[in-house]
Amino acid sequence: MSKPEKQNFRKAKYFLERCGYEADRSFFGSEDGEAILYRRRETEDWHFLCHLDPLFVEIEDIEGYVKEAMEDIQ
């Protein structure tokens, strides 16, 4: 994972944690690449948020992106 990907992952994770969720990097080494999964604290079900691909690095408004992605899922 590149430095900009790590920075954006940390921003997304921090935002999710402030909103009562846990976040995790998953699928390391898979064909589709790493992804961010999240779940509400003290629940069992993880949800896919996004892949950590080159487009993820270009996102400037991580909080807005995470909010929009979560709305699409729910």
PDB file of N, CA and C in Angstrom:
ATOM      1  N   MET A   1       0.852  -1.171   0.000  1.00  0.00           N
ATOM      2  CA  MET A   1       0.000   0.000   0.000  1.00  0.00           C
ATOM      3  C   MET A   1       0.896   1.231   0.000  1.00  0.00           C
ATOM      4  N   SER A   2       0.586   2.158  -0.882  1.00  0.00           N
ATOM      5  CA  SER A   2       1.387   3.366  -0.991  1.00  0.00           C
ATOM      6  C   SER A   2       1.082   4.321   0.173  1.00  0.00           C
ATOM      7  N   LYS A   3       1.955   5.294   0.342  1.00  0.00           N
ATOM      8  CA  LYS A   3       1.767   6.253   1.425  1.00  0.00           C
ATOM      9  C   LYS A   3       0.443   7.023   1.296  1.00  0.00           C
ATOM     10  N   PRO A   4       0.086   7.522   0.087  1.00  0.00           N
ATOM     11  CA  PRO A   4      -1.216   8.201  -0.021  1.00  0.00           C
ATOM     12  C   PRO A   4      -2.399   7.278   0.290  1.00  0.00           C
ATOM     13  N   GLU A   5      -2.332   6.004  -0.103  1.00  0.00           N
ATOM     14  CA  GLU A   5      -3.401   5.054   0.233  1.00  0.00           C
ATOM     15  C   GLU A   5      -3.509   4.889   1.741  1.00  0.00           C
ATOM     16  N   LYS A   6      -2.365   4.782   2.409  1.00  0.00           N
ATOM     17  CA  LYS A   6      -2.374   4.648   3.867  1.00  0.00           C
ATOM     18  C   LYS A   6      -2.987   5.875   4.516  1.00  0.00           C
ATOM     19  N   GLN A   7      -2.626   7.050   4.008  1.00  0.00           N
ATOM     20  CA  GLN A   7      -3.171   8.277   4.587  1.00  0.00           C
ATOM     21  C   GLN A   7      -4.683   8.335   4.411  1.00  0.00           C
ATOM     22  N   ASN A   8      -5.172   7.993   3.219  1.00  0.00           N
ATOM     23  CA  ASN A   8      -6.614   8.024   3.000  1.00  0.00           C
ATOM     24  C   ASN A   8      -7.315   6.930   3.783  1.00  0.00           C
ATOM     25  N   PHE A   9      -6.682   5.759   3.930  1.00  0.00           N
ATOM     26  CA  PHE A   9      -7.278   4.711   4.755  1.00  0.00           C
ATOM     27  C   PHE A   9      -7.399   5.202   6.203  1.00  0.00           C
ATOM     28  N   ARG A  10      -6.350   5.820   6.717  1.00  0.00           N
ATOM     29  CA  ARG A  10      -6.398   6.327   8.097  1.00  0.00           C
ATOM     30  C   ARG A  10      -7.498   7.368   8.272  1.00  0.00           C
ATOM     31  N   LYS A  11      -7.661   8.246   7.273  1.00  0.00           N
ATOM     32  CA  LYS A  11      -8.727   9.256   7.343  1.00  0.00           C
ATOM     33  C   LYS A  11     -10.096   8.575   7.367  1.00  0.00           C
ATOM     34  N   ALA A  12     -10.286   7.585   6.492  1.00  0.00           N
ATOM     35  CA  ALA A  12     -11.563   6.872   6.438  1.00  0.00           C
ATOM     36  C   ALA A  12     -11.808   6.139   7.750  1.00  0.00           C
ATOM     37  N   LYS A  13     -10.775   5.479   8.273  1.00  0.00           N
ATOM     38  CA  LYS A  13     -10.912   4.730   9.517  1.00  0.00           C
ATOM     39  C   LYS A  13     -11.260   5.670  10.668  1.00  0.00           C
ATOM     40  N   TYR A  14     -10.577   6.787  10.752  1.00  0.00           N
ATOM     41  CA  TYR A  14     -10.834   7.764  11.815  1.00  0.00           C
ATOM     42  C   TYR A  14     -12.277   8.264  11.737  1.00  0.00           C
ATOM     43  N   PHE A  15     -12.738   8.592  10.540  1.00  0.00           N
ATOM     44  CA  PHE A  15     -14.105   9.059  10.363  1.00  0.00           C
ATOM     45  C   PHE A  15     -15.108   7.989  10.789  1.00  0.00           C
ATOM     46  N   LEU A  16     -14.896   6.756  10.332  1.00  0.00           N
ATOM     47  CA  LEU A  16     -15.802   5.667  10.695  1.00  0.00           C
ATOM     48  C   LEU A  16     -15.830   5.439  12.201  1.00  0.00           C
ATOM     49  N   GLU A  17     -14.673   5.484  12.844  1.00  0.00           N
ATOM     50  CA  GLU A  17     -14.611   5.279  14.295  1.00  0.00           C
ATOM     51  C   GLU A  17     -15.350   6.382  15.039  1.00  0.00           C
ATOM     52  N   ARG A  18     -15.246   7.619  14.563  1.00  0.00           N
ATOM     53  CA  ARG A  18     -15.981   8.725  15.185  1.00  0.00           C
ATOM     54  C   ARG A  18     -17.490   8.545  15.049  1.00  0.00           C
ATOM     55  N   CYS A  19     -17.910   7.812  14.022  1.00  0.00           N
ATOM     56  CA  CYS A  19     -19.344   7.580  13.765  1.00  0.00           C
ATOM     57  C   CYS A  19     -19.842   6.283  14.387  1.00  0.00           C
ATOM     58  N   GLY A  20     -19.008   5.618  15.205  1.00  0.00           N
ATOM     59  CA  GLY A  20     -19.457   4.424  15.905  1.00  0.00           C
ATOM     60  C   GLY A  20     -19.217   3.112  15.174  1.00  0.00           C
ATOM     61  N   TYR A  21     -18.293   3.127  14.213  1.00  0.00           N
ATOM     62  CA  TYR A  21     -17.979   1.923  13.443  1.00  0.00           C
ATOM     63  C   TYR A  21     -16.544   1.482  13.680  1.00  0.00           C
ATOM     64  N   GLU A  22     -16.263   0.242  13.306  1.00  0.00           N
ATOM     65  CA  GLU A  22     -14.897  -0.268  13.226  1.00  0.00           C
ATOM     66  C   GLU A  22     -14.556  -0.361  11.750  1.00  0.00           C
ATOM     67  N   ALA A  23     -13.300  -0.206  11.397  1.00  0.00           N
ATOM     68  CA  ALA A  23     -12.859  -0.327  10.012  1.00  0.00           C
ATOM     69  C   ALA A  23     -11.651  -1.247   9.961  1.00  0.00           C
ATOM     70  N   ASP A  24     -11.519  -1.967   8.853  1.00  0.00           N
ATOM     71  CA  ASP A  24     -10.422  -2.910   8.708  1.00  0.00           C
ATOM     72  C   ASP A  24      -9.992  -2.974   7.255  1.00  0.00           C
ATOM     73  N   ARG A  25      -8.687  -3.132   7.052  1.00  0.00           N
ATOM     74  CA  ARG A  25      -8.167  -3.418   5.713  1.00  0.00           C
ATOM     75  C   ARG A  25      -8.206  -4.919   5.532  1.00  0.00           C
ATOM     76  N   SER A  26      -8.766  -5.364   4.414  1.00  0.00           N
ATOM     77  CA  SER A  26      -8.918  -6.798   4.177  1.00  0.00           C
ATOM     78  C   SER A  26      -8.536  -7.151   2.749  1.00  0.00           C
ATOM     79  N   PHE A  27      -8.460  -8.443   2.494  1.00  0.00           N
ATOM     80  CA  PHE A  27      -8.203  -9.004   1.168  1.00  0.00           C
ATOM     81  C   PHE A  27      -6.802  -8.736   0.644  1.00  0.00           C
ATOM     82  N   PHE A  28      -5.830  -8.591   1.526  1.00  0.00           N
ATOM     83  CA  PHE A  28      -4.458  -8.384   1.093  1.00  0.00           C
ATOM     84  C   PHE A  28      -4.029  -9.560   0.217  1.00  0.00           C
ATOM     85  N   GLY A  29      -3.487  -9.250  -0.940  1.00  0.00           N
ATOM     86  CA  GLY A  29      -2.992 -10.285  -1.836  1.00  0.00           C
ATOM     87  C   GLY A  29      -4.048 -10.901  -2.739  1.00  0.00           C
ATOM     88  N   SER A  30      -5.285 -10.449  -2.658  1.00  0.00           N
ATOM     89  CA  SER A  30      -6.327 -11.018  -3.521  1.00  0.00           C
ATOM     90  C   SER A  30      -6.232 -10.421  -4.926  1.00  0.00           C
ATOM     91  N   GLU A  31      -6.893 -11.057  -5.872  1.00  0.00           N
ATOM     92  CA  GLU A  31      -6.887 -10.564  -7.255  1.00  0.00           C
ATOM     93  C   GLU A  31      -7.460  -9.163  -7.352  1.00  0.00           C
ATOM     94  N   ASP A  32      -8.505  -8.893  -6.594  1.00  0.00           N
ATOM     95  CA  ASP A  32      -9.155  -7.583  -6.648  1.00  0.00           C
ATOM     96  C   ASP A  32      -8.440  -6.522  -5.819  1.00  0.00           C
ATOM     97  N   GLY A  33      -7.484  -6.929  -4.999  1.00  0.00           N
ATOM     98  CA  GLY A  33      -6.736  -5.996  -4.184  1.00  0.00           C
ATOM     99  C   GLY A  33      -7.372  -5.761  -2.818  1.00  0.00           C
ATOM    100  N   GLU A  34      -6.664  -4.977  -2.030  1.00  0.00           N
ATOM    101  CA  GLU A  34      -7.140  -4.682  -0.670  1.00  0.00           C
ATOM    102  C   GLU A  34      -8.405  -3.850  -0.699  1.00  0.00           C
ATOM    103  N   ALA A  35      -9.153  -3.944   0.387  1.00  0.00           N
ATOM    104  CA  ALA A  35     -10.404  -3.198   0.500  1.00  0.00           C
ATOM    105  C   ALA A  35     -10.609  -2.766   1.942  1.00  0.00           C
ATOM    106  N   ILE A  36     -11.498  -1.815   2.120  1.00  0.00           N
ATOM    107  CA  ILE A  36     -11.902  -1.387   3.455  1.00  0.00           C
ATOM    108  C   ILE A  36     -13.246  -2.038   3.762  1.00  0.00           C
ATOM    109  N   LEU A  37     -13.309  -2.682   4.911  1.00  0.00           N
ATOM    110  CA  LEU A  37     -14.556  -3.227   5.428  1.00  0.00           C
ATOM    111  C   LEU A  37     -14.896  -2.461   6.692  1.00  0.00           C
ATOM    112  N   TYR A  38     -16.182  -2.360   7.002  1.00  0.00           N
ATOM    113  CA  TYR A  38     -16.587  -1.671   8.229  1.00  0.00           C
ATOM    114  C   TYR A  38     -17.784  -2.379   8.838  1.00  0.00           C
ATOM    115  N   ARG A  39     -17.978  -2.158  10.121  1.00  0.00           N
ATOM    116  CA  ARG A  39     -19.156  -2.670  10.826  1.00  0.00           C
ATOM    117  C   ARG A  39     -19.444  -1.775  12.012  1.00  0.00           C
ATOM    118  N   ARG A  40     -20.690  -1.777  12.406  1.00  0.00           N
ATOM    119  CA  ARG A  40     -21.066  -1.035  13.611  1.00  0.00           C
ATOM    120  C   ARG A  40     -20.405  -1.737  14.791  1.00  0.00           C
ATOM    121  N   ARG A  41     -19.910  -0.982  15.749  1.00  0.00           N
ATOM    122  CA  ARG A  41     -19.268  -1.580  16.926  1.00  0.00           C
ATOM    123  C   ARG A  41     -20.199  -2.582  17.587  1.00  0.00           C
ATOM    124  N   GLU A  42     -19.609  -3.635  18.089  1.00  0.00           N
ATOM    125  CA  GLU A  42     -20.310  -4.691  18.828  1.00  0.00           C
ATOM    126  C   GLU A  42     -21.336  -5.441  17.974  1.00  0.00           C
ATOM    127  N   THR A  43     -21.125  -5.472  16.658  1.00  0.00           N
ATOM    128  CA  THR A  43     -21.932  -6.307  15.773  1.00  0.00           C
ATOM    129  C   THR A  43     -20.991  -7.269  15.049  1.00  0.00           C
ATOM    130  N   GLU A  44     -21.546  -8.247  14.370  1.00  0.00           N
ATOM    131  CA  GLU A  44     -20.727  -9.263  13.721  1.00  0.00           C
ATOM    132  C   GLU A  44     -20.564  -9.057  12.222  1.00  0.00           C
ATOM    133  N   ASP A  45     -21.512  -8.398  11.579  1.00  0.00           N
ATOM    134  CA  ASP A  45     -21.522  -8.316  10.124  1.00  0.00           C
ATOM    135  C   ASP A  45     -20.651  -7.187   9.588  1.00  0.00           C
ATOM    136  N   TRP A  46     -19.671  -7.553   8.763  1.00  0.00           N
ATOM    137  CA  TRP A  46     -18.810  -6.594   8.094  1.00  0.00           C
ATOM    138  C   TRP A  46     -19.435  -6.221   6.755  1.00  0.00           C
ATOM    139  N   HIS A  47     -19.231  -4.977   6.331  1.00  0.00           N
ATOM    140  CA  HIS A  47     -19.745  -4.486   5.054  1.00  0.00           C
ATOM    141  C   HIS A  47     -18.585  -3.940   4.231  1.00  0.00           C
ATOM    142  N   PHE A  48     -18.649  -4.169   2.934  1.00  0.00           N
ATOM    143  CA  PHE A  48     -17.636  -3.669   2.012  1.00  0.00           C
ATOM    144  C   PHE A  48     -17.838  -2.172   1.811  1.00  0.00           C
ATOM    145  N   LEU A  49     -16.764  -1.399   1.918  1.00  0.00           N
ATOM    146  CA  LEU A  49     -16.847   0.039   1.666  1.00  0.00           C
ATOM    147  C   LEU A  49     -16.273   0.381   0.300  1.00  0.00           C
ATOM    148  N   CYS A  50     -15.008  -0.008   0.060  1.00  0.00           N
ATOM    149  CA  CYS A  50     -14.376   0.298  -1.225  1.00  0.00           C
ATOM    150  C   CYS A  50     -13.059  -0.455  -1.351  1.00  0.00           C
ATOM    151  N   HIS A  51     -12.565  -0.538  -2.589  1.00  0.00           N
ATOM    152  CA  HIS A  51     -11.236  -1.089  -2.826  1.00  0.00           C
ATOM    153  C   HIS A  51     -10.197   0.005  -2.602  1.00  0.00           C
ATOM    154  N   LEU A  52      -9.018  -0.400  -2.197  1.00  0.00           N
ATOM    155  CA  LEU A  52      -7.910   0.542  -2.031  1.00  0.00           C
ATOM    156  C   LEU A  52      -7.106   0.530  -3.331  1.00  0.00           C
ATOM    157  N   ASP A  53      -7.694   1.121  -4.359  1.00  0.00           N
ATOM    158  CA  ASP A  53      -7.070   1.137  -5.675  1.00  0.00           C
ATOM    159  C   ASP A  53      -6.524   2.531  -5.972  1.00  0.00           C
ATOM    160  N   PRO A  54      -5.907   2.725  -7.136  1.00  0.00           N
ATOM    161  CA  PRO A  54      -5.345   4.047  -7.453  1.00  0.00           C
ATOM    162  C   PRO A  54      -6.372   5.179  -7.405  1.00  0.00           C
ATOM    163  N   LEU A  55      -7.620   4.903  -7.719  1.00  0.00           N
ATOM    164  CA  LEU A  55      -8.638   5.960  -7.640  1.00  0.00           C
ATOM    165  C   LEU A  55      -8.870   6.419  -6.207  1.00  0.00           C
ATOM    166  N   PHE A  56      -8.701   5.513  -5.252  1.00  0.00           N
ATOM    167  CA  PHE A  56      -8.871   5.854  -3.837  1.00  0.00           C
ATOM    168  C   PHE A  56      -7.870   6.925  -3.412  1.00  0.00           C
ATOM    169  N   VAL A  57      -6.677   6.875  -3.982  1.00  0.00           N
ATOM    170  CA  VAL A  57      -5.628   7.849  -3.652  1.00  0.00           C
ATOM    171  C   VAL A  57      -6.038   9.251  -4.088  1.00  0.00           C
ATOM    172  N   GLU A  58      -6.791   9.343  -5.173  1.00  0.00           N
ATOM    173  CA  GLU A  58      -7.148  10.644  -5.733  1.00  0.00           C
ATOM    174  C   GLU A  58      -8.295  11.331  -4.992  1.00  0.00           C
ATOM    175  N   ILE A  59      -8.972  10.630  -4.116  1.00  0.00           N
ATOM    176  CA  ILE A  59     -10.110  11.203  -3.395  1.00  0.00           C
ATOM    177  C   ILE A  59      -9.606  12.242  -2.390  1.00  0.00           C
ATOM    178  N   GLU A  60     -10.134  13.446  -2.510  1.00  0.00           N
ATOM    179  CA  GLU A  60      -9.718  14.508  -1.596  1.00  0.00           C
ATOM    180  C   GLU A  60     -10.648  14.618  -0.390  1.00  0.00           C
ATOM    181  N   ASP A  61     -11.941  14.399  -0.608  1.00  0.00           N
ATOM    182  CA  ASP A  61     -12.926  14.499   0.476  1.00  0.00           C
ATOM    183  C   ASP A  61     -13.280  13.085   0.950  1.00  0.00           C
ATOM    184  N   ILE A  62     -12.410  12.530   1.787  1.00  0.00           N
ATOM    185  CA  ILE A  62     -12.607  11.152   2.247  1.00  0.00           C
ATOM    186  C   ILE A  62     -13.907  11.021   3.043  1.00  0.00           C
ATOM    187  N   GLU A  63     -14.187  11.958   3.930  1.00  0.00           N
ATOM    188  CA  GLU A  63     -15.414  11.867   4.731  1.00  0.00           C
ATOM    189  C   GLU A  63     -16.641  11.856   3.830  1.00  0.00           C
ATOM    190  N   GLY A  64     -16.686  12.736   2.846  1.00  0.00           N
ATOM    191  CA  GLY A  64     -17.805  12.775   1.913  1.00  0.00           C
ATOM    192  C   GLY A  64     -17.924  11.485   1.129  1.00  0.00           C
ATOM    193  N   TYR A  65     -16.791  10.945   0.711  1.00  0.00           N
ATOM    194  CA  TYR A  65     -16.789   9.689  -0.037  1.00  0.00           C
ATOM    195  C   TYR A  65     -17.326   8.545   0.817  1.00  0.00           C
ATOM    196  N   VAL A  66     -16.864   8.465   2.061  1.00  0.00           N
ATOM    197  CA  VAL A  66     -17.305   7.394   2.958  1.00  0.00           C
ATOM    198  C   VAL A  66     -18.809   7.524   3.224  1.00  0.00           C
ATOM    199  N   LYS A  67     -19.278   8.739   3.506  1.00  0.00           N
ATOM    200  CA  LYS A  67     -20.715   8.952   3.736  1.00  0.00           C
ATOM    201  C   LYS A  67     -21.530   8.478   2.538  1.00  0.00           C
ATOM    202  N   GLU A  68     -21.108   8.872   1.349  1.00  0.00           N
ATOM    203  CA  GLU A  68     -21.832   8.500   0.128  1.00  0.00           C
ATOM    204  C   GLU A  68     -21.815   6.991  -0.093  1.00  0.00           C
ATOM    205  N   ALA A  69     -20.663   6.367   0.115  1.00  0.00           N
ATOM    206  CA  ALA A  69     -20.547   4.918  -0.075  1.00  0.00           C
ATOM    207  C   ALA A  69     -21.439   4.187   0.918  1.00  0.00           C
ATOM    208  N   MET A  70     -21.504   4.654   2.161  1.00  0.00           N
ATOM    209  CA  MET A  70     -22.335   4.008   3.164  1.00  0.00           C
ATOM    210  C   MET A  70     -23.815   4.192   2.842  1.00  0.00           C
ATOM    211  N   GLU A  71     -24.201   5.335   2.313  1.00  0.00           N
ATOM    212  CA  GLU A  71     -25.595   5.573   1.922  1.00  0.00           C
ATOM    213  C   GLU A  71     -26.000   4.625   0.797  1.00  0.00           C
ATOM    214  N   ASP A  72     -25.090   4.390  -0.139  1.00  0.00           N
ATOM    215  CA  ASP A  72     -25.374   3.488  -1.248  1.00  0.00           C
ATOM    216  C   ASP A  72     -25.604   2.056  -0.757  1.00  0.00           C
ATOM    217  N   ILE A  73     -24.936   1.693   0.327  1.00  0.00           N
ATOM    218  CA  ILE A  73     -25.027   0.329   0.853  1.00  0.00           C
ATOM    219  C   ILE A  73     -26.299   0.158   1.674  1.00  0.00           C
ATOM    220  N   GLN A  74     -26.675   1.184   2.415  1.00  0.00           N
ATOM    221  CA  GLN A  74     -27.812   1.043   3.334  1.00  0.00           C
ATOM    222  C   GLN A  74     -29.111   1.348   2.710  1.00  0.00           C
TER     223      GLN A  74
END
